[in-house]
Amino acid sequence: FSTAAALFLATRRGAARMLCMALLLITMVSPPFVSSLAYIQLYGRRGWITYRLLGLSWDPYNCWGVILMQSLSFVPLNALFLGGILTKLDGDSIRAARDLGASPKAILGDIVLPLIRPGIWVALLLSFVRSLADFGTPVIIGGRFSTIASEIYLQLVGYSNLEKASAMNMVLMLPSIAAFFLYRKLMKRSDM
């Protein structure tokens, strides 16, 4: 979604671009629990879209609801990040490909996407690390599904078990460090 939004921002001018940019900025500054509450209102068991419009009795309070909300909540920042990368691309290679008769699909697949691939990886890794530490979305959407961040909060505030909370924090730090080293490896490979 972020790549598509970034490509839309990079290829449009005028009112459509400004509207898309405004929507991205509004959704980026809203707290994660607000988007989670909107998700429940629209797609919950008695949501406006799922129940009233489509007549479905769907249970969004599970792992997949958390994954969907995490993915959607990180789209604006990732789109703006990728949009910044797209503005720095060399336009001469794209114009040369057009002059040589390449289709827009070929330009996208053979020139643009390979050039922004490191940025896409960085956006994915940043989203992964941010979702590890997110507390609000899993608590609101997760239902019985629990994440490490919400469990740490429960151990700290609910049970006053500082030892267990700090040990769980160390466990939470390991995937973050692994993501950092993966990021460094990808950046070294993209520099070659």
Foldseek 3Di string as FASTA:
>chain_A
DLVVLLVVLQPDDDPVNVVSLVVLVVLQPDDLLVVLVVCCCQPDQCHCCQCVPVNHRDHQQAPVVLVVSLVVSLSSVLNVQLNVQSVPDDCVVVVVCVVVPDDPVCCCVPPVCVSCVLSVLVSVLVSVLVSLQDQNSCVRRNVPDDHLNVVLVCCCPVVVNVVVSVVSVVVSVVVNVVSVVVNVVSVVVVVD
